[in-house]
C-alpha atoms as a PDB file:
ATOM      1  CA  MET A   1       0.017  -0.055   0.020  1.00  0.00           C
ATOM      2  CA  GLU A   2       1.567   3.253  -1.247  1.00  0.00           C
ATOM      3  CA  ASP A   3       1.707   5.440   1.741  1.00  0.00           C
ATOM      4  CA  GLN A   4      -0.339   8.759   1.525  1.00  0.00           C
ATOM      5  CA  VAL A   5       0.847  12.072   3.578  1.00  0.00           C
ATOM      6  CA  LYS A   6      -2.194  14.297   4.719  1.00  0.00           C
ATOM      7  CA  ALA A   7      -2.111  17.512   4.841  1.00  0.00           C
ATOM      8  CA  ASP A   8      -3.388  18.099   9.023  1.00  0.00           C
ATOM      9  CA  PRO A   9      -6.529  20.831   8.328  1.00  0.00           C
ATOM     10  CA  ALA A  10      -6.244  24.022   9.653  1.00  0.00           C
ATOM     11  CA  PRO A  11      -5.749  24.454  13.762  1.00  0.00           C
ATOM     12  CA  ARG A  12      -9.062  25.427  15.739  1.00  0.00           C
ATOM     13  CA  SER A  13      -9.357  28.156  18.061  1.00  0.00           C
ATOM     14  CA  SER A  14      -9.440  26.735  21.358  1.00  0.00           C
ATOM     15  CA  ALA A  15     -12.259  27.750  24.000  1.00  0.00           C
ATOM     16  CA  GLY A  16      -9.585  30.016  26.065  1.00  0.00           C
ATOM     17  CA  ASP A  17      -9.041  31.572  22.256  1.00  0.00           C
ATOM     18  CA  ASP A  18     -12.348  32.985  22.407  1.00  0.00           C
ATOM     19  CA  ALA A  19     -12.540  33.837  25.646  1.00  0.00           C
ATOM     20  CA  ILE A  20      -9.685  35.902  25.845  1.00  0.00           C
ATOM     21  CA  GLY A  21     -11.421  37.262  22.571  1.00  0.00           C
ATOM     22  CA  CYS A  22     -14.398  38.552  23.779  1.00  0.00           C
ATOM     23  CA  ILE A  23     -12.862  39.915  27.474  1.00  0.00           C
ATOM     24  CA  VAL A  24     -11.338  42.170  24.477  1.00  0.00           C
ATOM     25  CA  ALA A  25     -13.486  43.500  22.664  1.00  0.00           C
ATOM     26  CA  PHE A  26     -15.746  43.881  25.710  1.00  0.00           C
ATOM     27  CA  LEU A  27     -13.055  46.708  26.856  1.00  0.00           C
ATOM     28  CA  ILE A  28     -12.840  48.028  23.895  1.00  0.00           C
ATOM     29  CA  VAL A  29     -16.324  48.661  23.692  1.00  0.00           C
ATOM     30  CA  GLY A  30     -16.993  49.872  27.122  1.00  0.00           C
ATOM     31  CA  GLY A  31     -13.930  52.403  26.637  1.00  0.00           C
ATOM     32  CA  ILE A  32     -15.593  53.869  23.584  1.00  0.00           C
ATOM     33  CA  ILE A  33     -18.738  53.581  25.784  1.00  0.00           C
ATOM     34  CA  THR A  34     -17.298  55.389  29.537  1.00  0.00           C
ATOM     35  CA  LEU A  35     -15.290  58.001  26.911  1.00  0.00           C
ATOM     36  CA  THR A  36     -18.997  59.306  25.613  1.00  0.00           C
ATOM     37  CA  VAL A  37     -20.738  59.601  28.461  1.00  0.00           C
ATOM     38  CA  LEU A  38     -17.849  61.133  30.027  1.00  0.00           C
ATOM     39  CA  GLY A  39     -17.131  64.209  26.995  1.00  0.00           C
ATOM     40  CA  GLY A  40     -20.905  64.554  27.371  1.00  0.00           C
ATOM     41  CA  ARG A  41     -21.476  64.896  30.519  1.00  0.00           C
ATOM     42  CA  GLN A  42     -18.119  67.953  30.431  1.00  0.00           C
ATOM     43  CA  VAL A  43     -20.464  69.526  27.140  1.00  0.00           C
ATOM     44  CA  TRP A  44     -23.431  69.173  28.814  1.00  0.00           C
ATOM     45  CA  LYS A  45     -21.387  71.061  32.254  1.00  0.00           C
ATOM     46  CA  GLU A  46     -19.926  73.668  29.551  1.00  0.00           C
ATOM     47  CA  TYR A  47     -22.696  74.534  27.386  1.00  0.00           C
ATOM     48  CA  GLY A  48     -26.244  72.837  29.072  1.00  0.00           C
ATOM     49  CA  PRO A  49     -28.788  74.757  31.200  1.00  0.00           C
ATOM     50  CA  GLY A  50     -26.989  74.120  34.419  1.00  0.00           C
ATOM     51  CA  ALA A  51     -23.576  76.147  32.839  1.00  0.00           C
ATOM     52  CA  LYS A  52     -25.804  79.437  33.186  1.00  0.00           C
ATOM     53  CA  ALA A  53     -26.136  79.119  36.703  1.00  0.00           C
ATOM     54  CA  ASP A  54     -23.925  77.630  38.362  1.00  0.00           C
ATOM     55  CA  ALA A  55     -21.807  81.058  36.280  1.00  0.00           C
ATOM     56  CA  ALA A  56     -24.866  83.527  37.824  1.00  0.00           C
ATOM     57  CA  PRO A  57     -23.410  82.854  41.498  1.00  0.00           C
ATOM     58  CA  ALA A  58     -20.174  83.841  40.396  1.00  0.00           C
ATOM     59  CA  GLU A  59     -20.621  86.886  38.179  1.00  0.00           C
ATOM     60  CA  ASP A  60     -23.097  88.081  41.395  1.00  0.00           C
ATOM     61  CA  GLN A  61     -20.080  87.564  43.597  1.00  0.00           C
ATOM     62  CA  ARG A  62     -17.398  89.503  41.708  1.00  0.00           C
ATOM     63  CA  ILE A  63     -20.551  92.092  41.176  1.00  0.00           C
ATOM     64  CA  VAL A  64     -20.879  92.144  45.020  1.00  0.00           C
ATOM     65  CA  ALA A  65     -17.436  92.848  45.783  1.00  0.00           C
ATOM     66  CA  LEU A  66     -17.151  95.529  43.395  1.00  0.00           C
ATOM     67  CA  GLN A  67     -20.196  96.739  45.016  1.00  0.00           C
ATOM     68  CA  ALA A  68     -18.506  96.280  48.716  1.00  0.00           C
ATOM     69  CA  GLN A  69     -15.343  98.386  47.066  1.00  0.00           C
ATOM     70  CA  VAL A  70     -17.479 101.070  46.193  1.00  0.00           C
ATOM     71  CA  LYS A  71     -18.959 101.629  48.796  1.00  0.00           C
ATOM     72  CA  VAL A  72     -15.618 102.068  50.818  1.00  0.00           C
ATOM     73  CA  LEU A  73     -13.873 104.566  48.433  1.00  0.00           C
ATOM     74  CA  SER A  74     -17.061 106.554  48.469  1.00  0.00           C
ATOM     75  CA  GLU A  75     -17.213 106.407  51.787  1.00  0.00           C
ATOM     76  CA  ARG A  76     -13.734 107.516  52.329  1.00  0.00           C
ATOM     77  CA  MET A  77     -13.716 110.645  50.026  1.00  0.00           C
ATOM     78  CA  ILE A  78     -16.915 111.620  51.952  1.00  0.00           C
ATOM     79  CA  GLU A  79     -15.216 111.650  54.858  1.00  0.00           C
ATOM     80  CA  SER A  80     -12.334 112.887  53.005  1.00  0.00           C
ATOM     81  CA  GLU A  81     -14.090 116.226  51.832  1.00  0.00           C
ATOM     82  CA  ARG A  82     -15.708 116.457  55.033  1.00  0.00           C
ATOM     83  CA  GLU A  83     -12.016 116.851  56.842  1.00  0.00           C
ATOM     84  CA  SER A  84     -11.590 119.286  54.454  1.00  0.00           C
ATOM     85  CA  ALA A  85     -14.904 121.208  55.091  1.00  0.00           C
ATOM     86  CA  ARG A  86     -13.575 121.010  58.984  1.00  0.00           C
ATOM     87  CA  VAL A  87     -10.133 122.108  57.991  1.00  0.00           C
ATOM     88  CA  ALA A  88     -11.487 125.559  56.179  1.00  0.00           C
ATOM     89  CA  ALA A  89     -13.579 126.420  58.785  1.00  0.00           C
ATOM     90  CA  GLU A  90     -10.882 126.554  61.045  1.00  0.00           C
ATOM     91  CA  ALA A  91      -8.367 127.836  58.033  1.00  0.00           C
ATOM     92  CA  GLN A  92     -11.705 130.450  58.673  1.00  0.00           C
ATOM     93  CA  ALA A  93     -11.827 131.323  61.751  1.00  0.00           C
ATOM     94  CA  LEU A  94      -8.551 132.021  61.194  1.00  0.00           C
ATOM     95  CA  THR A  95      -8.982 134.604  59.083  1.00  0.00           C
ATOM     96  CA  SER A  96     -11.830 136.181  60.974  1.00  0.00           C
ATOM     97  CA  LEU A  97      -9.250 136.768  63.872  1.00  0.00           C
ATOM     98  CA  GLN A  98      -7.342 138.655  61.223  1.00  0.00           C
ATOM     99  CA  SER A  99      -9.569 140.324  59.088  1.00  0.00           C
ATOM    100  CA  THR A 100      -9.665 143.095  57.915  1.00  0.00           C
ATOM    101  CA  SER A 101     -12.777 144.653  57.927  1.00  0.00           C
ATOM    102  CA  ALA A 102     -15.880 144.397  60.018  1.00  0.00           C
ATOM    103  CA  THR A 103     -19.195 144.210  58.935  1.00  0.00           C
ATOM    104  CA  PHE A 104     -22.489 145.510  60.849  1.00  0.00           C
ATOM    105  CA  ALA A 105     -26.454 145.977  59.955  1.00  0.00           C
ATOM    106  CA  PRO A 106     -28.295 148.532  62.334  1.00  0.00           C
ATOM    107  CA  GLY A 107     -29.134 146.685  65.147  1.00  0.00           C
ATOM    108  CA  GLN A 108     -27.160 144.775  65.175  1.00  0.00           C
ATOM    109  CA  SER A 109     -25.158 144.280  68.930  1.00  0.00           C
ATOM    110  CA  GLY A 110     -21.315 143.073  70.222  1.00  0.00           C
ATOM    111  CA  TYR A 111     -17.998 144.269  68.513  1.00  0.00           C
ATOM    112  CA  ALA A 112     -16.460 142.240  65.230  1.00  0.00           C
ATOM    113  CA  PRO A 113     -12.350 142.271  65.412  1.00  0.00           C
ATOM    114  CA  VAL A 114     -10.371 144.655  62.799  1.00  0.00           C
ATOM    115  CA  THR A 115      -6.987 144.379  61.881  1.00  0.00           C
ATOM    116  CA  THR A 116      -4.512 147.171  60.540  1.00  0.00           C
ATOM    117  CA  PRO A 117      -0.671 146.760  60.182  1.00  0.00           C
ATOM    118  CA  SER A 118      -0.244 148.383  62.903  1.00  0.00           C
ATOM    119  CA  GLY A 119      -2.077 146.994  65.328  1.00  0.00           C
ATOM    120  CA  ARG A 120      -6.244 145.404  66.272  1.00  0.00           C
ATOM    121  CA  PHE A 121      -9.051 146.708  67.298  1.00  0.00           C
ATOM    122  CA  LEU A 122     -12.498 146.169  67.949  1.00  0.00           C
ATOM    123  CA  VAL A 123     -15.382 147.885  65.998  1.00  0.00           C
ATOM    124  CA  MET A 124     -19.041 148.720  67.624  1.00  0.00           C
ATOM    125  CA  LEU A 125     -21.925 149.860  65.426  1.00  0.00           C
ATOM    126  CA  GLU A 126     -23.691 151.747  68.448  1.00  0.00           C
ATOM    127  CA  ASP A 127     -26.290 153.788  66.727  1.00  0.00           C
ATOM    128  CA  VAL A 128     -28.274 154.262  62.797  1.00  0.00           C
ATOM    129  CA  LYS A 129     -30.510 157.791  62.621  1.00  0.00           C
ATOM    130  CA  PRO A 130     -31.902 159.113  59.881  1.00  0.00           C
ATOM    131  CA  TYR A 131     -30.002 163.400  59.030  1.00  0.00           C
ATOM    132  CA  ALA A 132     -30.547 165.482  56.492  1.00  0.00           C
ATOM    133  CA  ASP A 133     -30.954 163.330  53.225  1.00  0.00           C
ATOM    134  CA  GLY A 134     -28.600 160.192  54.969  1.00  0.00           C
ATOM    135  CA  GLN A 135     -27.801 158.517  58.149  1.00  0.00           C
ATOM    136  CA  ARG A 136     -25.945 159.065  60.765  1.00  0.00           C
ATOM    137  CA  LEU A 137     -23.775 156.056  62.166  1.00  0.00           C
ATOM    138  CA  THR A 138     -22.344 155.823  65.675  1.00  0.00           C
ATOM    139  CA  LEU A 139     -19.457 153.998  65.769  1.00  0.00           C
ATOM    140  CA  ARG A 140     -16.712 152.711  68.980  1.00  0.00           C
ATOM    141  CA  VAL A 141     -13.651 151.796  68.332  1.00  0.00           C
ATOM    142  CA  GLY A 142     -11.576 150.078  71.378  1.00  0.00           C
ATOM    143  CA  ASN A 143      -7.781 150.438  71.327  1.00  0.00           C
ATOM    144  CA  LEU A 144      -6.326 146.972  72.579  1.00  0.00           C
ATOM    145  CA  GLN A 145      -2.793 147.668  72.252  1.00  0.00           C
ATOM    146  CA  PHE A 146      -0.715 150.393  74.681  1.00  0.00           C
ATOM    147  CA  ALA A 147       0.020 153.380  72.297  1.00  0.00           C
ATOM    148  CA  THR A 148      -2.169 156.017  71.257  1.00  0.00           C
ATOM    149  CA  TYR A 149      -3.344 156.526  67.588  1.00  0.00           C
ATOM    150  CA  SER A 150      -3.353 160.010  65.977  1.00  0.00           C
ATOM    151  CA  ARG A 151      -6.192 160.896  63.494  1.00  0.00           C
ATOM    152  CA  PRO A 152      -7.290 157.175  62.411  1.00  0.00           C
ATOM    153  CA  LYS A 153      -8.670 156.773  58.080  1.00  0.00           C
ATOM    154  CA  ILE A 154     -12.174 155.479  58.197  1.00  0.00           C
ATOM    155  CA  LYS A 155     -13.497 154.196  55.035  1.00  0.00           C
ATOM    156  CA  LEU A 156     -17.069 152.614  54.904  1.00  0.00           C
ATOM    157  CA  LYS A 157     -19.324 150.882  51.992  1.00  0.00           C
ATOM    158  CA  TRP A 158     -22.764 150.765  52.485  1.00  0.00           C
ATOM    159  CA  GLY A 159     -25.601 149.722  50.338  1.00  0.00           C
ATOM    160  CA  ARG A 160     -28.704 147.312  50.561  1.00  0.00           C
ATOM    161  CA  ARG A 161     -28.677 143.846  52.042  1.00  0.00           C
ATOM    162  CA  PHE A 162     -27.961 141.159  50.007  1.00  0.00           C
ATOM    163  CA  SER A 163     -30.102 138.990  48.115  1.00  0.00           C
ATOM    164  CA  SER A 164     -29.025 135.271  48.102  1.00  0.00           C
ATOM    165  CA  THR A 165     -30.617 133.411  45.389  1.00  0.00           C
ATOM    166  CA  LEU A 166     -30.410 130.070  46.571  1.00  0.00           C
ATOM    167  CA  GLY A 167     -33.973 128.667  47.893  1.00  0.00           C
ATOM    168  CA  PRO A 168     -34.190 128.023  51.774  1.00  0.00           C
ATOM    169  CA  LYS A 169     -33.545 123.906  51.167  1.00  0.00           C
ATOM    170  CA  GLN A 170     -30.851 124.357  48.354  1.00  0.00           C
ATOM    171  CA  MET A 171     -27.860 121.804  48.879  1.00  0.00           C
ATOM    172  CA  SER A 172     -24.399 122.387  48.561  1.00  0.00           C
ATOM    173  CA  VAL A 173     -22.487 120.356  45.230  1.00  0.00           C
ATOM    174  CA  ARG A 174     -20.182 118.539  47.854  1.00  0.00           C
ATOM    175  CA  GLU A 175     -23.540 118.218  50.259  1.00  0.00           C
ATOM    176  CA  VAL A 176     -25.388 115.987  46.857  1.00  0.00           C
ATOM    177  CA  ARG A 177     -22.084 114.070  45.776  1.00  0.00           C
ATOM    178  CA  GLU A 178     -22.399 113.024  49.627  1.00  0.00           C
ATOM    179  CA  LEU A 179     -25.608 111.437  49.455  1.00  0.00           C
ATOM    180  CA  ARG A 180     -25.216 110.324  46.000  1.00  0.00           C
ATOM    181  CA  TYR A 181     -22.574 108.482  46.757  1.00  0.00           C
ATOM    182  CA  LEU A 182     -24.293 106.928  49.866  1.00  0.00           C
ATOM    183  CA  GLY A 183     -27.771 106.064  46.967  1.00  0.00           C
ATOM    184  CA  VAL A 184     -29.976 108.698  49.944  1.00  0.00           C
ATOM    185  CA  VAL A 185     -33.494 108.322  48.396  1.00  0.00           C
ATOM    186  CA  GLY A 186     -34.522 112.230  47.778  1.00  0.00           C
ATOM    187  CA  GLN A 187     -38.519 114.212  46.340  1.00  0.00           C
ATOM    188  CA  GLY A 188     -39.676 111.561  44.449  1.00  0.00           C
ATOM    189  CA  GLY A 189     -38.718 108.848  45.663  1.00  0.00           C
ATOM    190  CA  ARG A 190     -35.860 108.641  43.593  1.00  0.00           C
ATOM    191  CA  GLU A 191     -31.429 108.674  44.251  1.00  0.00           C
ATOM    192  CA  TYR A 192     -29.657 111.707  43.864  1.00  0.00           C
ATOM    193  CA  SER A 193     -27.842 111.915  40.482  1.00  0.00           C
ATOM    194  CA  ALA A 194     -25.445 113.639  37.937  1.00  0.00           C
ATOM    195  CA  SER A 195     -27.936 115.553  37.100  1.00  0.00           C
ATOM    196  CA  ASP A 196     -28.958 117.067  41.251  1.00  0.00           C
ATOM    197  CA  GLU A 197     -25.084 117.927  41.191  1.00  0.00           C
ATOM    198  CA  THR A 198     -24.939 119.548  37.755  1.00  0.00           C
ATOM    199  CA  ALA A 199     -28.109 121.870  39.278  1.00  0.00           C
ATOM    200  CA  ALA A 200     -26.215 122.437  42.762  1.00  0.00           C
ATOM    201  CA  ALA A 201     -23.284 123.741  40.438  1.00  0.00           C
ATOM    202  CA  GLN A 202     -25.279 125.962  38.492  1.00  0.00           C
ATOM    203  CA  ALA A 203     -27.281 127.169  41.323  1.00  0.00           C
ATOM    204  CA  ALA A 204     -23.655 127.952  42.984  1.00  0.00           C
ATOM    205  CA  ALA A 205     -22.520 129.903  39.634  1.00  0.00           C
ATOM    206  CA  ALA A 206     -26.084 132.300  40.222  1.00  0.00           C
ATOM    207  CA  GLU A 207     -25.378 132.700  43.473  1.00  0.00           C
ATOM    208  CA  GLU A 208     -21.784 134.022  42.851  1.00  0.00           C
ATOM    209  CA  ALA A 209     -22.729 135.863  40.575  1.00  0.00           C
ATOM    210  CA  ALA A 210     -25.813 137.959  42.114  1.00  0.00           C
ATOM    211  CA  HIS A 211     -22.796 138.739  44.702  1.00  0.00           C
ATOM    212  CA  TYR A 212     -20.450 140.056  42.142  1.00  0.00           C
ATOM    213  CA  THR A 213     -23.118 142.642  41.557  1.00  0.00           C
ATOM    214  CA  TRP A 214     -24.446 143.052  44.844  1.00  0.00           C
ATOM    215  CA  ARG A 215     -20.716 144.079  45.865  1.00  0.00           C
ATOM    216  CA  ALA A 216     -20.193 146.686  42.604  1.00  0.00           C
ATOM    217  CA  SER A 217     -23.167 148.107  44.422  1.00  0.00           C
ATOM    218  CA  LEU A 218     -22.153 149.690  47.173  1.00  0.00           C
ATOM    219  CA  SER A 219     -21.192 152.836  48.012  1.00  0.00           C
ATOM    220  CA  THR A 220     -17.793 154.105  49.035  1.00  0.00           C
ATOM    221  CA  LYS A 221     -16.960 156.666  52.040  1.00  0.00           C
ATOM    222  CA  GLU A 222     -12.950 157.353  53.325  1.00  0.00           C
ATOM    223  CA  GLU A 223     -13.073 160.512  56.477  1.00  0.00           C
ATOM    224  CA  GLN A 224     -10.124 160.772  58.634  1.00  0.00           C
ATOM    225  CA  LEU A 225     -11.147 160.979  61.895  1.00  0.00           C
ATOM    226  CA  LEU A 226      -9.576 164.427  64.555  1.00  0.00           C
ATOM    227  CA  VAL A 227      -9.631 161.883  67.425  1.00  0.00           C
ATOM    228  CA  ASP A 228      -6.838 159.819  68.974  1.00  0.00           C
ATOM    229  CA  LEU A 229      -7.508 156.404  69.826  1.00  0.00           C
ATOM    230  CA  ARG A 230      -6.239 155.963  73.170  1.00  0.00           C
ATOM    231  CA  PRO A 231      -4.472 152.608  75.048  1.00  0.00           C
ATOM    232  CA  GLY A 232      -7.156 150.433  76.608  1.00  0.00           C
ATOM    233  CA  SER A 233      -9.961 152.469  76.194  1.00  0.00           C
ATOM    234  CA  TRP A 234     -13.604 153.119  73.648  1.00  0.00           C
ATOM    235  CA  THR A 235     -13.516 156.261  71.186  1.00  0.00           C
ATOM    236  CA  THR A 236     -16.803 157.163  70.195  1.00  0.00           C
ATOM    237  CA  PHE A 237     -17.737 159.148  66.537  1.00  0.00           C
ATOM    238  CA  SER A 238     -19.963 159.858  63.831  1.00  0.00           C
ATOM    239  CA  ILE A 239     -19.892 159.807  60.190  1.00  0.00           C
ATOM    240  CA  THR A 240     -22.728 160.604  57.750  1.00  0.00           C
ATOM    241  CA  VAL A 241     -23.020 158.766  55.050  1.00  0.00           C
ATOM    242  CA  ALA A 242     -25.494 160.201  52.176  1.00  0.00           C
ATOM    243  CA  PRO A 243     -27.838 160.212  50.530  1.00  0.00           C
ATOM    244  CA  ALA A 244     -29.535 157.269  51.879  1.00  0.00           C
ATOM    245  CA  THR A 245     -31.938 156.094  53.447  1.00  0.00           C
ATOM    246  CA  SER A 246     -32.518 153.816  55.831  1.00  0.00           C
ATOM    247  CA  GLN A 247     -32.390 151.009  53.959  1.00  0.00           C
ATOM    248  CA  ASP A 248     -29.519 151.760  52.141  1.00  0.00           C
ATOM    249  CA  VAL A 249     -27.975 150.863  55.161  1.00  0.00           C
ATOM    250  CA  GLY A 250     -29.179 147.586  55.784  1.00  0.00           C
ATOM    251  CA  PHE A 251     -25.275 146.511  55.450  1.00  0.00           C
ATOM    252  CA  ILE A 252     -22.051 148.116  56.085  1.00  0.00           C
ATOM    253  CA  GLU A 253     -18.391 147.931  56.168  1.00  0.00           C
ATOM    254  CA  PHE A 254     -15.977 149.152  58.296  1.00  0.00           C
ATOM    255  CA  THR A 255     -12.201 149.342  57.524  1.00  0.00           C
ATOM    256  CA  MET A 256      -9.779 151.470  59.531  1.00  0.00           C
ATOM    257  CA  ASP A 257      -5.165 152.634  58.628  1.00  0.00           C
ATOM    258  CA  ALA A 258      -4.173 153.894  61.441  1.00  0.00           C
ATOM    259  CA  SER A 259      -0.445 153.901  60.962  1.00  0.00           C
ATOM    260  CA  VAL A 260       0.139 157.591  63.464  1.00  0.00           C
ATOM    261  CA  VAL A 261       0.857 155.958  66.629  1.00  0.00           C
ATOM    262  CA  SER A 262       2.755 157.761  69.650  1.00  0.00           C
ATOM    263  CA  MET A 263       3.851 155.883  73.371  1.00  0.00           C
ATOM    264  CA  ALA A 264       5.088 157.320  76.255  1.00  0.00           C
ATOM    265  CA  GLY A 265       8.501 157.882  77.205  1.00  0.00           C
ATOM    266  CA  ARG A 266      10.412 157.086  80.066  1.00  0.00           C
END
């Protein structure tokens, strides 16, 4: 019998190989599904409806933080303006002590200090009475120095009282700015705005212009007195201003030049 050589059939896969293939396929499919789910969640988180809800609180927190900073800066600005106003008031008080003039109105009591290059004096308006076509002003000057001042030169300005253009409830620009920064609600149930600040500035400018016009309308008189201002004493004298009615002397401004000085020797 002839020997016949047969080729071996193709090897069959074992059960173990089939199991490994299934596991690998499962892992691949599972990985793809996992990546898809995670990617979908990330996209949903960034672009889904919940994204706005998550971003809104963070944005609100930033707005609140900015508002808090603005409030702190506003309070500091207001405090700075108040300090500036206090310093200005103190400076004005010091200036009044060194004032070179004194102002009076008929019926006003008390004295006012007047500073001259040679000394400081006290001045009083004692009386105002009609005289011919004018008004006779009786004044008293107190000499605070130890020297005698001879023949002082008096300068008077007089006129009607200044009529302010500002209303009784008109606020300054600084006051409006403070209320605006604090968010105070004014009349009509609205907060103060930049327009209120502008209106206050315009009112102040109108008042300044009116005051300048009024000052220009005042009358002036200079007179050299034939009296001596003795040390530590009051000296009384009268000056007539004309033509003038009682209403024309609603405001009186007094300045003085006392340059002739004499002192007792030993």
